[in-house]
Amino acid sequence: MTKHLQLIFRLMKDERVHPLVKVLPFLSLIYLVYPDLVPGPFDDAVVITLFLQFFLTLVPDEIIEEHKFALELQEKNTNTEDNFIEGEFWEE
């Protein structure tokens, strides 16, 4: 879930994504504040997920793939840095 949110934040910052498309995540936040806008059995999580999924559907695939690749590289770089233990070698 956190990767999904990181992707959405990166896409919101990208200038190639149309400004009207960027309104959708904000609409999901408005729904979170005013949940009675849609009466009925809709669960907040379902409505917010639909807004965010619709946002990702409207963003061009090549932009999404570029940001996913950047996130994977970022994750690999942080994981490899965590695997190294610094130390000194000395012989007796």
PDB file of N, CA and C in Angstrom:
ATOM      1  N   MET A   1       0.822  -1.198   0.000  1.00  0.00           N
ATOM      2  CA  MET A   1       0.000   0.000   0.000  1.00  0.00           C
ATOM      3  C   MET A   1       0.861   1.255   0.000  1.00  0.00           C
ATOM      4  N   THR A   2       1.983   1.220   0.712  1.00  0.00           N
ATOM      5  CA  THR A   2       2.815   2.414   0.751  1.00  0.00           C
ATOM      6  C   THR A   2       3.449   2.698  -0.616  1.00  0.00           C
ATOM      7  N   LYS A   3       3.775   1.648  -1.380  1.00  0.00           N
ATOM      8  CA  LYS A   3       4.316   1.859  -2.724  1.00  0.00           C
ATOM      9  C   LYS A   3       3.272   2.538  -3.611  1.00  0.00           C
ATOM     10  N   HIS A   4       2.026   2.133  -3.433  1.00  0.00           N
ATOM     11  CA  HIS A   4       0.926   2.722  -4.200  1.00  0.00           C
ATOM     12  C   HIS A   4       0.798   4.213  -3.891  1.00  0.00           C
ATOM     13  N   LEU A   5       0.876   4.564  -2.618  1.00  0.00           N
ATOM     14  CA  LEU A   5       0.782   5.973  -2.223  1.00  0.00           C
ATOM     15  C   LEU A   5       2.004   6.762  -2.678  1.00  0.00           C
ATOM     16  N   GLN A   6       3.185   6.156  -2.615  1.00  0.00           N
ATOM     17  CA  GLN A   6       4.385   6.825  -3.106  1.00  0.00           C
ATOM     18  C   GLN A   6       4.264   7.119  -4.597  1.00  0.00           C
ATOM     19  N   LEU A   7       3.716   6.170  -5.342  1.00  0.00           N
ATOM     20  CA  LEU A   7       3.515   6.368  -6.772  1.00  0.00           C
ATOM     21  C   LEU A   7       2.557   7.528  -7.027  1.00  0.00           C
ATOM     22  N   ILE A   8       1.483   7.576  -6.274  1.00  0.00           N
ATOM     23  CA  ILE A   8       0.509   8.657  -6.453  1.00  0.00           C
ATOM     24  C   ILE A   8       1.126  10.007  -6.121  1.00  0.00           C
ATOM     25  N   PHE A   9       1.910  10.093  -5.048  1.00  0.00           N
ATOM     26  CA  PHE A   9       2.570  11.356  -4.703  1.00  0.00           C
ATOM     27  C   PHE A   9       3.541  11.793  -5.793  1.00  0.00           C
ATOM     28  N   ARG A  10       4.287  10.837  -6.337  1.00  0.00           N
ATOM     29  CA  ARG A  10       5.224  11.179  -7.410  1.00  0.00           C
ATOM     30  C   ARG A  10       4.477  11.660  -8.651  1.00  0.00           C
ATOM     31  N   LEU A  11       3.366  11.017  -8.964  1.00  0.00           N
ATOM     32  CA  LEU A  11       2.585  11.428 -10.134  1.00  0.00           C
ATOM     33  C   LEU A  11       1.954  12.798  -9.936  1.00  0.00           C
ATOM     34  N   MET A  12       1.583  13.112  -8.708  1.00  0.00           N
ATOM     35  CA  MET A  12       1.011  14.429  -8.437  1.00  0.00           C
ATOM     36  C   MET A  12       2.042  15.532  -8.665  1.00  0.00           C
ATOM     37  N   LYS A  13       3.314  15.244  -8.450  1.00  0.00           N
ATOM     38  CA  LYS A  13       4.373  16.224  -8.643  1.00  0.00           C
ATOM     39  C   LYS A  13       4.799  16.347 -10.104  1.00  0.00           C
ATOM     40  N   ASP A  14       4.482  15.339 -10.907  1.00  0.00           N
ATOM     41  CA  ASP A  14       4.918  15.312 -12.301  1.00  0.00           C
ATOM     42  C   ASP A  14       4.125  16.327 -13.126  1.00  0.00           C
ATOM     43  N   GLU A  15       4.835  17.177 -13.845  1.00  0.00           N
ATOM     44  CA  GLU A  15       4.193  18.214 -14.650  1.00  0.00           C
ATOM     45  C   GLU A  15       3.524  17.662 -15.896  1.00  0.00           C
ATOM     46  N   ARG A  16       3.869  16.445 -16.301  1.00  0.00           N
ATOM     47  CA  ARG A  16       3.267  15.859 -17.502  1.00  0.00           C
ATOM     48  C   ARG A  16       1.855  15.348 -17.257  1.00  0.00           C
ATOM     49  N   VAL A  17       1.477  15.166 -16.000  1.00  0.00           N
ATOM     50  CA  VAL A  17       0.126  14.714 -15.670  1.00  0.00           C
ATOM     51  C   VAL A  17      -0.804  15.921 -15.721  1.00  0.00           C
ATOM     52  N   HIS A  18      -1.897  15.766 -16.421  1.00  0.00           N
ATOM     53  CA  HIS A  18      -2.842  16.867 -16.623  1.00  0.00           C
ATOM     54  C   HIS A  18      -3.391  17.356 -15.278  1.00  0.00           C
ATOM     55  N   PRO A  19      -3.497  18.680 -15.107  1.00  0.00           N
ATOM     56  CA  PRO A  19      -3.986  19.231 -13.827  1.00  0.00           C
ATOM     57  C   PRO A  19      -5.391  18.758 -13.437  1.00  0.00           C
ATOM     58  N   LEU A  20      -6.258  18.547 -14.415  1.00  0.00           N
ATOM     59  CA  LEU A  20      -7.610  18.069 -14.082  1.00  0.00           C
ATOM     60  C   LEU A  20      -7.587  16.637 -13.546  1.00  0.00           C
ATOM     61  N   VAL A  21      -6.631  15.848 -14.012  1.00  0.00           N
ATOM     62  CA  VAL A  21      -6.497  14.476 -13.514  1.00  0.00           C
ATOM     63  C   VAL A  21      -6.013  14.508 -12.067  1.00  0.00           C
ATOM     64  N   LYS A  22      -5.180  15.499 -11.747  1.00  0.00           N
ATOM     65  CA  LYS A  22      -4.648  15.617 -10.385  1.00  0.00           C
ATOM     66  C   LYS A  22      -5.731  16.005  -9.373  1.00  0.00           C
ATOM     67  N   VAL A  23      -6.890  16.390  -9.845  1.00  0.00           N
ATOM     68  CA  VAL A  23      -7.995  16.750  -8.948  1.00  0.00           C
ATOM     69  C   VAL A  23      -8.570  15.507  -8.263  1.00  0.00           C
ATOM     70  N   LEU A  24      -8.496  14.371  -8.907  1.00  0.00           N
ATOM     71  CA  LEU A  24      -9.117  13.147  -8.375  1.00  0.00           C
ATOM     72  C   LEU A  24      -8.619  12.752  -6.988  1.00  0.00           C
ATOM     73  N   PRO A  25      -7.307  12.729  -6.717  1.00  0.00           N
ATOM     74  CA  PRO A  25      -6.900  12.410  -5.347  1.00  0.00           C
ATOM     75  C   PRO A  25      -7.424  13.413  -4.319  1.00  0.00           C
ATOM     76  N   PHE A  26      -7.524  14.672  -4.718  1.00  0.00           N
ATOM     77  CA  PHE A  26      -8.077  15.671  -3.802  1.00  0.00           C
ATOM     78  C   PHE A  26      -9.565  15.429  -3.546  1.00  0.00           C
ATOM     79  N   LEU A  27     -10.271  14.958  -4.581  1.00  0.00           N
ATOM     80  CA  LEU A  27     -11.682  14.623  -4.383  1.00  0.00           C
ATOM     81  C   LEU A  27     -11.842  13.476  -3.391  1.00  0.00           C
ATOM     82  N   SER A  28     -10.911  12.533  -3.420  1.00  0.00           N
ATOM     83  CA  SER A  28     -10.988  11.434  -2.450  1.00  0.00           C
ATOM     84  C   SER A  28     -10.764  11.940  -1.034  1.00  0.00           C
ATOM     85  N   LEU A  29      -9.879  12.938  -0.882  1.00  0.00           N
ATOM     86  CA  LEU A  29      -9.670  13.533   0.446  1.00  0.00           C
ATOM     87  C   LEU A  29     -10.899  14.310   0.898  1.00  0.00           C
ATOM     88  N   ILE A  30     -11.557  14.992  -0.028  1.00  0.00           N
ATOM     89  CA  ILE A  30     -12.786  15.715   0.314  1.00  0.00           C
ATOM     90  C   ILE A  30     -13.854  14.725   0.761  1.00  0.00           C
ATOM     91  N   TYR A  31     -13.945  13.598   0.064  1.00  0.00           N
ATOM     92  CA  TYR A  31     -14.905  12.579   0.466  1.00  0.00           C
ATOM     93  C   TYR A  31     -14.590  12.052   1.866  1.00  0.00           C
ATOM     94  N   LEU A  32     -13.310  11.952   2.188  1.00  0.00           N
ATOM     95  CA  LEU A  32     -12.920  11.478   3.513  1.00  0.00           C
ATOM     96  C   LEU A  32     -13.382  12.448   4.592  1.00  0.00           C
ATOM     97  N   VAL A  33     -13.335  13.760   4.296  1.00  0.00           N
ATOM     98  CA  VAL A  33     -13.763  14.773   5.259  1.00  0.00           C
ATOM     99  C   VAL A  33     -15.290  14.849   5.331  1.00  0.00           C
ATOM    100  N   TYR A  34     -15.939  14.758   4.173  1.00  0.00           N
ATOM    101  CA  TYR A  34     -17.406  14.830   4.106  1.00  0.00           C
ATOM    102  C   TYR A  34     -17.955  13.518   3.552  1.00  0.00           C
ATOM    103  N   PRO A  35     -17.991  12.473   4.343  1.00  0.00           N
ATOM    104  CA  PRO A  35     -18.382  11.158   3.821  1.00  0.00           C
ATOM    105  C   PRO A  35     -19.855  11.037   3.459  1.00  0.00           C
ATOM    106  N   ASP A  36     -20.677  11.990   3.838  1.00  0.00           N
ATOM    107  CA  ASP A  36     -22.102  11.878   3.537  1.00  0.00           C
ATOM    108  C   ASP A  36     -22.465  12.444   2.166  1.00  0.00           C
ATOM    109  N   LEU A  37     -21.458  12.774   1.341  1.00  0.00           N
ATOM    110  CA  LEU A  37     -21.742  13.261  -0.004  1.00  0.00           C
ATOM    111  C   LEU A  37     -22.382  12.174  -0.860  1.00  0.00           C
ATOM    112  N   VAL A  38     -21.986  10.927  -0.650  1.00  0.00           N
ATOM    113  CA  VAL A  38     -22.561   9.807  -1.390  1.00  0.00           C
ATOM    114  C   VAL A  38     -23.328   8.955  -0.390  1.00  0.00           C
ATOM    115  N   PRO A  39     -24.663   9.103  -0.378  1.00  0.00           N
ATOM    116  CA  PRO A  39     -25.438   8.303   0.578  1.00  0.00           C
ATOM    117  C   PRO A  39     -25.512   6.844   0.143  1.00  0.00           C
ATOM    118  N   GLY A  40     -25.740   6.004   1.086  1.00  0.00           N
ATOM    119  CA  GLY A  40     -25.895   4.590   0.778  1.00  0.00           C
ATOM    120  C   GLY A  40     -24.823   3.745   1.420  1.00  0.00           C
ATOM    121  N   PRO A  41     -24.711   2.516   0.927  1.00  0.00           N
ATOM    122  CA  PRO A  41     -23.811   1.549   1.577  1.00  0.00           C
ATOM    123  C   PRO A  41     -22.347   1.661   1.151  1.00  0.00           C
ATOM    124  N   PHE A  42     -21.969   2.760   0.490  1.00  0.00           N
ATOM    125  CA  PHE A  42     -20.577   2.909   0.066  1.00  0.00           C
ATOM    126  C   PHE A  42     -19.663   3.052   1.269  1.00  0.00           C
ATOM    127  N   ASP A  43     -18.660   2.276   1.286  1.00  0.00           N
ATOM    128  CA  ASP A  43     -17.662   2.363   2.348  1.00  0.00           C
ATOM    129  C   ASP A  43     -16.625   3.407   1.938  1.00  0.00           C
ATOM    130  N   ASP A  44     -16.115   4.150   2.906  1.00  0.00           N
ATOM    131  CA  ASP A  44     -15.132   5.197   2.612  1.00  0.00           C
ATOM    132  C   ASP A  44     -13.926   4.643   1.852  1.00  0.00           C
ATOM    133  N   ALA A  45     -13.431   3.512   2.278  1.00  0.00           N
ATOM    134  CA  ALA A  45     -12.245   2.929   1.645  1.00  0.00           C
ATOM    135  C   ALA A  45     -12.501   2.575   0.185  1.00  0.00           C
ATOM    136  N   VAL A  46     -13.705   2.100  -0.114  1.00  0.00           N
ATOM    137  CA  VAL A  46     -14.036   1.723  -1.488  1.00  0.00           C
ATOM    138  C   VAL A  46     -14.082   2.961  -2.374  1.00  0.00           C
ATOM    139  N   VAL A  47     -14.725   4.017  -1.900  1.00  0.00           N
ATOM    140  CA  VAL A  47     -14.842   5.240  -2.696  1.00  0.00           C
ATOM    141  C   VAL A  47     -13.465   5.868  -2.920  1.00  0.00           C
ATOM    142  N   ILE A  48     -12.651   5.943  -1.885  1.00  0.00           N
ATOM    143  CA  ILE A  48     -11.319   6.516  -2.015  1.00  0.00           C
ATOM    144  C   ILE A  48     -10.464   5.674  -2.965  1.00  0.00           C
ATOM    145  N   THR A  49     -10.547   4.359  -2.852  1.00  0.00           N
ATOM    146  CA  THR A  49      -9.809   3.472  -3.745  1.00  0.00           C
ATOM    147  C   THR A  49     -10.249   3.666  -5.186  1.00  0.00           C
ATOM    148  N   LEU A  50     -11.550   3.835  -5.416  1.00  0.00           N
ATOM    149  CA  LEU A  50     -12.039   4.061  -6.776  1.00  0.00           C
ATOM    150  C   LEU A  50     -11.511   5.367  -7.354  1.00  0.00           C
ATOM    151  N   PHE A  51     -11.503   6.426  -6.554  1.00  0.00           N
ATOM    152  CA  PHE A  51     -10.961   7.707  -7.021  1.00  0.00           C
ATOM    153  C   PHE A  51      -9.491   7.561  -7.402  1.00  0.00           C
ATOM    154  N   LEU A  52      -8.714   6.911  -6.550  1.00  0.00           N
ATOM    155  CA  LEU A  52      -7.281   6.770  -6.811  1.00  0.00           C
ATOM    156  C   LEU A  52      -7.013   5.844  -7.992  1.00  0.00           C
ATOM    157  N   GLN A  53      -7.824   4.803  -8.136  1.00  0.00           N
ATOM    158  CA  GLN A  53      -7.658   3.896  -9.271  1.00  0.00           C
ATOM    159  C   GLN A  53      -8.017   4.601 -10.578  1.00  0.00           C
ATOM    160  N   PHE A  54      -9.057   5.425 -10.540  1.00  0.00           N
ATOM    161  CA  PHE A  54      -9.446   6.204 -11.712  1.00  0.00           C
ATOM    162  C   PHE A  54      -8.333   7.189 -12.082  1.00  0.00           C
ATOM    163  N   PHE A  55      -7.700   7.776 -11.074  1.00  0.00           N
ATOM    164  CA  PHE A  55      -6.563   8.667 -11.294  1.00  0.00           C
ATOM    165  C   PHE A  55      -5.452   7.919 -12.029  1.00  0.00           C
ATOM    166  N   LEU A  56      -5.100   6.730 -11.547  1.00  0.00           N
ATOM    167  CA  LEU A  56      -4.036   5.953 -12.172  1.00  0.00           C
ATOM    168  C   LEU A  56      -4.417   5.491 -13.582  1.00  0.00           C
ATOM    169  N   THR A  57      -5.698   5.304 -13.830  1.00  0.00           N
ATOM    170  CA  THR A  57      -6.157   4.902 -15.158  1.00  0.00           C
ATOM    171  C   THR A  57      -5.989   6.045 -16.158  1.00  0.00           C
ATOM    172  N   LEU A  58      -6.184   7.268 -15.704  1.00  0.00           N
ATOM    173  CA  LEU A  58      -6.110   8.412 -16.609  1.00  0.00           C
ATOM    174  C   LEU A  58      -4.681   8.900 -16.870  1.00  0.00           C
ATOM    175  N   VAL A  59      -3.734   8.520 -16.031  1.00  0.00           N
ATOM    176  CA  VAL A  59      -2.334   8.901 -16.249  1.00  0.00           C
ATOM    177  C   VAL A  59      -1.760   7.974 -17.320  1.00  0.00           C
ATOM    178  N   PRO A  60      -1.042   8.538 -18.299  1.00  0.00           N
ATOM    179  CA  PRO A  60      -0.450   7.683 -19.347  1.00  0.00           C
ATOM    180  C   PRO A  60       0.457   6.597 -18.766  1.00  0.00           C
ATOM    181  N   ASP A  61       0.402   5.419 -19.383  1.00  0.00           N
ATOM    182  CA  ASP A  61       1.138   4.251 -18.894  1.00  0.00           C
ATOM    183  C   ASP A  61       2.646   4.479 -18.837  1.00  0.00           C
ATOM    184  N   GLU A  62       3.211   5.185 -19.818  1.00  0.00           N
ATOM    185  CA  GLU A  62       4.661   5.376 -19.831  1.00  0.00           C
ATOM    186  C   GLU A  62       5.122   6.231 -18.647  1.00  0.00           C
ATOM    187  N   ILE A  63       4.297   7.162 -18.207  1.00  0.00           N
ATOM    188  CA  ILE A  63       4.656   7.977 -17.043  1.00  0.00           C
ATOM    189  C   ILE A  63       4.609   7.130 -15.778  1.00  0.00           C
ATOM    190  N   ILE A  64       3.581   6.289 -15.668  1.00  0.00           N
ATOM    191  CA  ILE A  64       3.466   5.404 -14.505  1.00  0.00           C
ATOM    192  C   ILE A  64       4.641   4.442 -14.446  1.00  0.00           C
ATOM    193  N   GLU A  65       4.983   3.840 -15.584  1.00  0.00           N
ATOM    194  CA  GLU A  65       6.096   2.892 -15.615  1.00  0.00           C
ATOM    195  C   GLU A  65       7.419   3.571 -15.255  1.00  0.00           C
ATOM    196  N   GLU A  66       7.602   4.805 -15.702  1.00  0.00           N
ATOM    197  CA  GLU A  66       8.819   5.540 -15.371  1.00  0.00           C
ATOM    198  C   GLU A  66       8.938   5.762 -13.861  1.00  0.00           C
ATOM    199  N   HIS A  67       7.835   6.126 -13.225  1.00  0.00           N
ATOM    200  CA  HIS A  67       7.863   6.367 -11.782  1.00  0.00           C
ATOM    201  C   HIS A  67       7.982   5.065 -10.990  1.00  0.00           C
ATOM    202  N   LYS A  68       7.357   3.992 -11.481  1.00  0.00           N
ATOM    203  CA  LYS A  68       7.507   2.698 -10.819  1.00  0.00           C
ATOM    204  C   LYS A  68       8.960   2.238 -10.869  1.00  0.00           C
ATOM    205  N   PHE A  69       9.594   2.428 -12.010  1.00  0.00           N
ATOM    206  CA  PHE A  69      11.002   2.047 -12.158  1.00  0.00           C
ATOM    207  C   PHE A  69      11.878   2.854 -11.200  1.00  0.00           C
ATOM    208  N   ALA A  70      11.613   4.151 -11.094  1.00  0.00           N
ATOM    209  CA  ALA A  70      12.384   5.010 -10.185  1.00  0.00           C
ATOM    210  C   ALA A  70      12.189   4.583  -8.738  1.00  0.00           C
ATOM    211  N   LEU A  71      10.960   4.202  -8.370  1.00  0.00           N
ATOM    212  CA  LEU A  71      10.702   3.749  -7.003  1.00  0.00           C
ATOM    213  C   LEU A  71      11.421   2.434  -6.714  1.00  0.00           C
ATOM    214  N   GLU A  72      11.443   1.525  -7.702  1.00  0.00           N
ATOM    215  CA  GLU A  72      12.147   0.252  -7.518  1.00  0.00           C
ATOM    216  C   GLU A  72      13.648   0.477  -7.354  1.00  0.00           C
ATOM    217  N   LEU A  73      14.219   1.383  -8.162  1.00  0.00           N
ATOM    218  CA  LEU A  73      15.638   1.701  -8.025  1.00  0.00           C
ATOM    219  C   LEU A  73      15.937   2.299  -6.665  1.00  0.00           C
ATOM    220  N   GLN A  74      15.071   3.183  -6.224  1.00  0.00           N
ATOM    221  CA  GLN A  74      15.244   3.812  -4.916  1.00  0.00           C
ATOM    222  C   GLN A  74      15.201   2.767  -3.813  1.00  0.00           C
ATOM    223  N   GLU A  75      14.272   1.816  -3.934  1.00  0.00           N
ATOM    224  CA  GLU A  75      14.149   0.754  -2.932  1.00  0.00           C
ATOM    225  C   GLU A  75      15.372  -0.154  -2.940  1.00  0.00           C
ATOM    226  N   LYS A  76      15.873  -0.496  -4.131  1.00  0.00           N
ATOM    227  CA  LYS A  76      17.062  -1.351  -4.219  1.00  0.00           C
ATOM    228  C   LYS A  76      18.272  -0.657  -3.622  1.00  0.00           C
ATOM    229  N   ASN A  77      18.400   0.646  -3.862  1.00  0.00           N
ATOM    230  CA  ASN A  77      19.545   1.386  -3.315  1.00  0.00           C
ATOM    231  C   ASN A  77      19.492   1.429  -1.799  1.00  0.00           C
ATOM    232  N   THR A  78      18.323   1.606  -1.227  1.00  0.00           N
ATOM    233  CA  THR A  78      18.235   1.641   0.237  1.00  0.00           C
ATOM    234  C   THR A  78      18.446   0.257   0.823  1.00  0.00           C
ATOM    235  N   ASN A  79      17.995  -0.791   0.117  1.00  0.00           N
ATOM    236  CA  ASN A  79      18.175  -2.154   0.621  1.00  0.00           C
ATOM    237  C   ASN A  79      19.638  -2.575   0.584  1.00  0.00           C
ATOM    238  N   THR A  80      20.371  -2.204  -0.467  1.00  0.00           N
ATOM    239  CA  THR A  80      21.772  -2.618  -0.542  1.00  0.00           C
ATOM    240  C   THR A  80      22.619  -1.869   0.471  1.00  0.00           C
ATOM    241  N   GLU A  81      22.267  -0.621   0.761  1.00  0.00           N
ATOM    242  CA  GLU A  81      23.005   0.123   1.773  1.00  0.00           C
ATOM    243  C   GLU A  81      22.801  -0.480   3.154  1.00  0.00           C
ATOM    244  N   ASP A  82      21.645  -1.055   3.409  1.00  0.00           N
ATOM    245  CA  ASP A  82      21.361  -1.662   4.704  1.00  0.00           C
ATOM    246  C   ASP A  82      22.094  -2.986   4.887  1.00  0.00           C
ATOM    247  N   ASN A  83      22.485  -3.635   3.798  1.00  0.00           N
ATOM    248  CA  ASN A  83      23.124  -4.946   3.890  1.00  0.00           C
ATOM    249  C   ASN A  83      24.612  -4.870   4.180  1.00  0.00           C
ATOM    250  N   PHE A  84      25.230  -3.720   4.059  1.00  0.00           N
ATOM    251  CA  PHE A  84      26.660  -3.572   4.296  1.00  0.00           C
ATOM    252  C   PHE A  84      26.921  -3.189   5.742  1.00  0.00           C
ATOM    253  N   ILE A  85      27.923  -3.847   6.305  1.00  0.00           N
ATOM    254  CA  ILE A  85      28.364  -3.519   7.662  1.00  0.00           C
ATOM    255  C   ILE A  85      29.788  -3.011   7.549  1.00  0.00           C
ATOM    256  N   GLU A  86      30.010  -1.801   7.996  1.00  0.00           N
ATOM    257  CA  GLU A  86      31.344  -1.244   7.913  1.00  0.00           C
ATOM    258  C   GLU A  86      32.191  -1.769   9.076  1.00  0.00           C
ATOM    259  N   GLY A  87      33.436  -2.020   8.765  1.00  0.00           N
ATOM    260  CA  GLY A  87      34.331  -2.512   9.797  1.00  0.00           C
ATOM    261  C   GLY A  87      35.771  -2.448   9.316  1.00  0.00           C
ATOM    262  N   GLU A  88      36.685  -2.837  10.163  1.00  0.00           N
ATOM    263  CA  GLU A  88      38.096  -2.839   9.817  1.00  0.00           C
ATOM    264  C   GLU A  88      38.633  -4.252   9.924  1.00  0.00           C
ATOM    265  N   PHE A  89      39.562  -4.554   9.058  1.00  0.00           N
ATOM    266  CA  PHE A  89      40.188  -5.884   9.058  1.00  0.00           C
ATOM    267  C   PHE A  89      41.619  -5.720   9.527  1.00  0.00           C
ATOM    268  N   TRP A  90      41.996  -6.540  10.456  1.00  0.00           N
ATOM    269  CA  TRP A  90      43.384  -6.515  10.912  1.00  0.00           C
ATOM    270  C   TRP A  90      43.819  -7.925  11.238  1.00  0.00           C
ATOM    271  N   GLU A  91      45.082  -8.190  11.029  1.00  0.00           N
ATOM    272  CA  GLU A  91      45.643  -9.507  11.279  1.00  0.00           C
ATOM    273  C   GLU A  91      46.545  -9.451  12.498  1.00  0.00           C
ATOM    274  N   GLU A  92      46.650 -10.560  13.177  1.00  0.00           N
ATOM    275  CA  GLU A  92      47.549 -10.644  14.344  1.00  0.00           C
ATOM    276  C   GLU A  92      48.852 -11.277  13.991  1.00  0.00           C
TER     277      GLU A  92
END
